[in-house]
Every structure is written in C-alpha cells, then in structure tokens.
C-alpha cells in the first residue's frame, strides 16, 4: 500500500498534462477516422453546397432558409461551426442540423459507417 502511494506521490503535474494531451489526441484521431466521414456525408445528404478547404479541416456550408442563404463555417476536427453573419455558433453537426431545423439531430444509421 505504501509503495503504491509513494508511486502516486511522484506523479507530477507535467506527467498528468502529458497523459491528458495524449488521450485527447487519441480521441480526436478516433473521431476523424470513424465519425467525421459520416458527419460530412450526413451534411451533404441535405443537398446544400459544401466547399472543402485545408484538406478537410474546414468546410463552408451554404444553407438555404426562408430568410435566404446563410453561410456556415464548419471545422470537423473540433466540431465547431459558426455563422458568418450573426452570433450563432455551436459544436457538432447534430446541433447544426437542429439549429436550422433540418431534423431532430439524430444521425440516420446509413451514415454511421462510411467507406
């Protein structure tokens, strides 16, 4: 017991930070390989023009609404989206879909696995 406590006492904040950084990188890479392609395919299924920039790191989505066309910047690696005009912003495609009332934010199963 004392040996285990001694090992924990030597665990520094720097080591903790490095462990957290590595775990965050793993989660991000996992999302980019598994979920991100499905999210982009789901957005494309609504028929809006989507422009890809920076090798898939940034997308520009043009959403047509009753008020006219709205331009949304979407960064899939972080999930962040922002309207170019206005204050609206959020995270994740499901919330973008909800914001424009395109659906309930539940991704259909056909976009769960994209090859």
Protein backbone atom coordinates (compact mmCIF):
# COMPACT_ATOMS: atom_id res chain seq x y z
CA UNK A 1 0.00 0.00 0.00
CA UNK A 2 2.75 2.43 0.95
CA UNK A 3 4.68 1.61 -2.25
CA UNK A 4 1.61 2.42 -4.38
CA UNK A 5 1.05 5.69 -2.52
CA UNK A 6 4.72 6.54 -2.96
CA UNK A 7 4.43 5.97 -6.73
CA UNK A 8 1.35 8.23 -6.87
CA UNK A 9 3.16 10.96 -4.94
CA UNK A 10 5.84 11.06 -7.64
CA UNK A 11 3.25 11.66 -10.38
CA UNK A 12 3.85 15.29 -11.34
CA UNK A 13 1.52 17.83 -12.93
CA UNK A 14 3.69 17.69 -16.04
CA UNK A 15 3.16 13.95 -16.37
CA UNK A 16 -0.56 14.42 -15.81
CA UNK A 17 -0.69 17.08 -18.54
CA UNK A 18 1.24 14.86 -20.97
CA UNK A 19 -1.13 11.94 -20.29
CA UNK A 20 -4.19 14.15 -20.86
CA UNK A 21 -2.72 15.57 -24.05
CA UNK A 22 -2.07 12.08 -25.43
CA UNK A 23 -5.60 10.92 -24.53
CA UNK A 24 -7.13 13.98 -26.23
CA UNK A 25 -5.09 13.33 -29.37
CA UNK A 26 -6.29 9.71 -29.44
CA UNK A 27 -9.96 10.77 -29.11
CA UNK A 28 -9.56 13.32 -31.90
CA UNK A 29 -7.90 10.81 -34.23
CA UNK A 30 -10.59 8.24 -33.44
CA UNK A 31 -13.33 10.75 -34.29
CA UNK A 32 -11.62 11.77 -37.51
CA UNK A 33 -11.38 8.16 -38.67
CA UNK A 34 -14.81 6.90 -37.61
CA UNK A 35 -17.38 9.67 -37.09
CA UNK A 36 -16.20 12.60 -39.21
CA UNK A 37 -16.78 10.98 -42.64
CA UNK A 38 -20.33 10.09 -41.59
CA UNK A 39 -20.97 13.62 -40.34
CA UNK A 40 -19.82 15.13 -43.64
CA UNK A 41 -21.88 12.64 -45.66
CA UNK A 42 -24.91 13.48 -43.49
CA UNK A 43 -24.48 17.19 -44.17
CA UNK A 44 -24.16 16.52 -47.90
CA UNK A 45 -27.38 14.48 -47.84
CA UNK A 46 -29.37 17.68 -47.23
CA UNK A 47 -28.30 18.89 -50.68
CA UNK A 48 -26.53 22.07 -49.64
CA UNK A 49 -23.38 23.13 -51.48
CA UNK A 50 -20.33 22.27 -49.38
CA UNK A 51 -16.84 23.54 -50.13
CA UNK A 52 -13.86 21.74 -48.64
CA UNK A 53 -10.79 23.69 -47.53
CA UNK A 54 -7.46 22.79 -45.90
CA UNK A 55 -7.64 19.12 -46.82
CA UNK A 56 -10.91 18.52 -44.97
CA UNK A 57 -10.04 20.61 -41.93
CA UNK A 58 -12.58 23.32 -42.79
CA UNK A 59 -15.87 23.22 -44.69
CA UNK A 60 -18.06 26.06 -45.88
CA UNK A 61 -21.74 25.10 -45.98
CA UNK A 62 -24.34 27.25 -47.73
CA UNK A 63 -27.72 26.61 -46.14
CA UNK A 64 -30.85 27.92 -47.84
CA UNK A 65 -33.52 29.10 -45.43
CA UNK A 66 -36.72 31.13 -45.70
CA UNK A 67 -34.61 34.20 -44.95
CA UNK A 68 -32.16 33.48 -47.75
CA UNK A 69 -28.83 31.76 -47.95
CA UNK A 70 -26.75 31.50 -44.76
CA UNK A 71 -23.06 30.67 -44.87
CA UNK A 72 -21.70 28.44 -42.12
CA UNK A 73 -18.05 27.68 -41.42
CA UNK A 74 -17.57 24.18 -40.03
CA UNK A 75 -14.34 22.72 -38.66
CA UNK A 76 -14.81 18.94 -38.34
CA UNK A 77 -11.65 18.19 -36.33
CA UNK A 78 -13.04 20.24 -33.42
CA UNK A 79 -16.74 20.06 -34.33
CA UNK A 80 -17.04 23.86 -34.18
CA UNK A 81 -19.45 25.67 -36.52
CA UNK A 82 -20.17 29.39 -36.82
CA UNK A 83 -22.48 31.50 -38.93
CA UNK A 84 -20.55 34.11 -40.89
CA UNK A 85 -23.23 36.69 -40.27
CA UNK A 86 -24.66 36.63 -36.79
CA UNK A 87 -23.65 35.27 -33.45
CA UNK A 88 -24.81 31.70 -33.76
CA UNK A 89 -22.21 29.06 -33.16
CA UNK A 90 -22.07 25.61 -31.73
CA UNK A 91 -20.38 22.25 -31.71
CA UNK A 92 -21.11 19.11 -33.68
CA UNK A 93 -23.12 18.50 -36.80
CA UNK A 94 -26.21 17.35 -34.91
CA UNK A 95 -26.53 20.78 -33.31
CA UNK A 96 -26.09 22.48 -36.67
CA UNK A 97 -28.91 20.33 -38.03
CA UNK A 98 -31.09 21.26 -35.05
CA UNK A 99 -30.28 24.96 -35.40
CA UNK A 100 -31.55 25.06 -38.98
CA UNK A 101 -34.44 22.72 -38.12
CA UNK A 102 -33.35 20.18 -40.72
CA UNK A 103 -34.08 17.29 -38.40
CA UNK A 104 -34.01 16.27 -34.77
CA UNK A 105 -30.23 15.94 -34.68
CA UNK A 106 -30.24 12.15 -34.73
CA UNK A 107 -27.99 10.88 -37.49
CA UNK A 108 -29.65 8.18 -39.60
CA UNK A 109 -27.97 4.76 -39.45
CA UNK A 110 -26.89 4.85 -43.11
CA UNK A 111 -24.28 7.47 -42.17
CA UNK A 112 -22.81 5.52 -39.25
CA UNK A 113 -20.32 3.65 -41.38
CA UNK A 114 -18.87 5.34 -44.42
CA UNK A 115 -16.36 3.57 -46.62
